[in-house]
N, C-alpha and C. Protein backbone atom coordinates (compact mmCIF):
# COMPACT_ATOMS: atom_id res chain seq x y z
N UNK A 1 93.12 83.49 113.46
CA UNK A 1 94.20 82.52 113.36
C UNK A 1 94.85 82.58 111.97
N UNK A 2 94.02 82.74 110.97
CA UNK A 2 94.53 82.83 109.60
C UNK A 2 95.43 84.06 109.44
N UNK A 3 95.00 85.15 110.09
CA UNK A 3 95.79 86.39 110.03
C UNK A 3 97.14 86.19 110.70
N UNK A 4 97.14 85.47 111.81
CA UNK A 4 98.38 85.22 112.53
C UNK A 4 99.37 84.45 111.66
N UNK A 5 98.88 83.40 111.02
CA UNK A 5 99.76 82.61 110.17
C UNK A 5 100.23 83.42 108.97
N UNK A 6 99.33 84.23 108.43
CA UNK A 6 99.69 85.07 107.29
C UNK A 6 100.77 86.07 107.66
N UNK A 7 100.62 86.72 108.82
CA UNK A 7 101.60 87.73 109.23
C UNK A 7 102.93 87.07 109.60
N UNK A 8 102.87 85.88 110.21
CA UNK A 8 104.12 85.22 110.58
C UNK A 8 104.86 84.77 109.32
N UNK A 9 104.12 84.35 108.30
CA UNK A 9 104.74 83.98 107.02
C UNK A 9 105.36 85.21 106.39
N UNK A 10 104.64 86.34 106.45
CA UNK A 10 105.13 87.59 105.89
C UNK A 10 106.42 88.02 106.56
N UNK A 11 106.45 87.91 107.91
CA UNK A 11 107.64 88.35 108.64
C UNK A 11 108.84 87.44 108.37
N UNK A 12 108.59 86.13 108.22
CA UNK A 12 109.71 85.22 107.91
C UNK A 12 110.24 85.52 106.52
N UNK A 13 109.34 85.87 105.60
CA UNK A 13 109.74 86.22 104.24
C UNK A 13 110.55 87.51 104.26
N UNK A 14 110.08 88.49 105.05
CA UNK A 14 110.77 89.77 105.15
C UNK A 14 112.16 89.59 105.77
N UNK A 15 112.23 88.73 106.79
CA UNK A 15 113.49 88.48 107.46
C UNK A 15 114.48 87.83 106.51
N UNK A 16 113.98 86.90 105.68
CA UNK A 16 114.83 86.22 104.71
C UNK A 16 115.32 87.20 103.66
N UNK A 17 114.44 88.08 103.21
CA UNK A 17 114.79 89.10 102.23
C UNK A 17 115.84 90.06 102.79
N UNK A 18 115.65 90.46 104.05
CA UNK A 18 116.59 91.37 104.71
C UNK A 18 117.97 90.72 104.84
N UNK A 19 117.99 89.43 105.19
CA UNK A 19 119.26 88.72 105.32
C UNK A 19 119.96 88.65 103.96
N UNK A 20 119.18 88.43 102.91
CA UNK A 20 119.74 88.36 101.55
C UNK A 20 120.32 89.70 101.15
N UNK A 21 119.60 90.78 101.45
CA UNK A 21 120.07 92.12 101.11
C UNK A 21 121.35 92.45 101.88
N UNK A 22 121.39 92.10 103.16
CA UNK A 22 122.56 92.36 103.98
C UNK A 22 123.78 91.62 103.43
N UNK A 23 123.57 90.36 103.04
CA UNK A 23 124.67 89.57 102.48
C UNK A 23 125.15 90.18 101.17
N UNK A 24 124.20 90.64 100.34
CA UNK A 24 124.55 91.24 99.05
C UNK A 24 125.36 92.52 99.26
N UNK A 25 124.92 93.35 100.19
CA UNK A 25 125.63 94.60 100.48
C UNK A 25 127.03 94.32 101.00
N UNK A 26 127.15 93.31 101.86
CA UNK A 26 128.46 92.95 102.41
C UNK A 26 129.40 92.49 101.31
N UNK A 27 128.91 91.63 100.42
CA UNK A 27 129.73 91.13 99.31
C UNK A 27 130.15 92.28 98.39
N UNK A 28 129.19 93.16 98.06
CA UNK A 28 129.50 94.30 97.19
C UNK A 28 130.54 95.20 97.85
N UNK A 29 130.41 95.41 99.16
CA UNK A 29 131.35 96.26 99.88
C UNK A 29 132.75 95.65 99.85
N UNK A 30 132.83 94.35 100.02
CA UNK A 30 134.13 93.68 99.96
C UNK A 30 134.75 93.82 98.57
N UNK A 31 133.93 93.70 97.53
CA UNK A 31 134.41 93.85 96.16
C UNK A 31 134.92 95.26 95.92
N UNK A 32 134.17 96.25 96.38
CA UNK A 32 134.58 97.64 96.22
C UNK A 32 135.89 97.90 96.95
N UNK A 33 136.02 97.33 98.16
CA UNK A 33 137.25 97.51 98.93
C UNK A 33 138.44 96.92 98.19
N UNK A 34 138.25 95.73 97.61
CA UNK A 34 139.37 95.08 96.91
C UNK A 34 139.71 95.79 95.61
N UNK A 35 138.69 96.42 94.98
CA UNK A 35 138.94 97.09 93.70
C UNK A 35 139.47 98.50 93.91
N UNK A 36 138.77 99.29 94.73
CA UNK A 36 139.11 100.70 94.90
C UNK A 36 139.98 100.98 96.13
N UNK A 37 140.13 99.98 96.99
CA UNK A 37 140.95 100.17 98.18
C UNK A 37 140.32 101.11 99.19
N UNK A 38 138.98 101.12 99.26
CA UNK A 38 138.28 102.00 100.21
C UNK A 38 138.30 101.36 101.60
């Protein structure tokens, strides 16, 4: 049971990190598009 809670906490943390990275990449891409016109 402890392992289950540990892994579920790990996956929620990973999911949150992935969402943060995706948002960061999207924002950076928008900035690059506005600056370089890509």
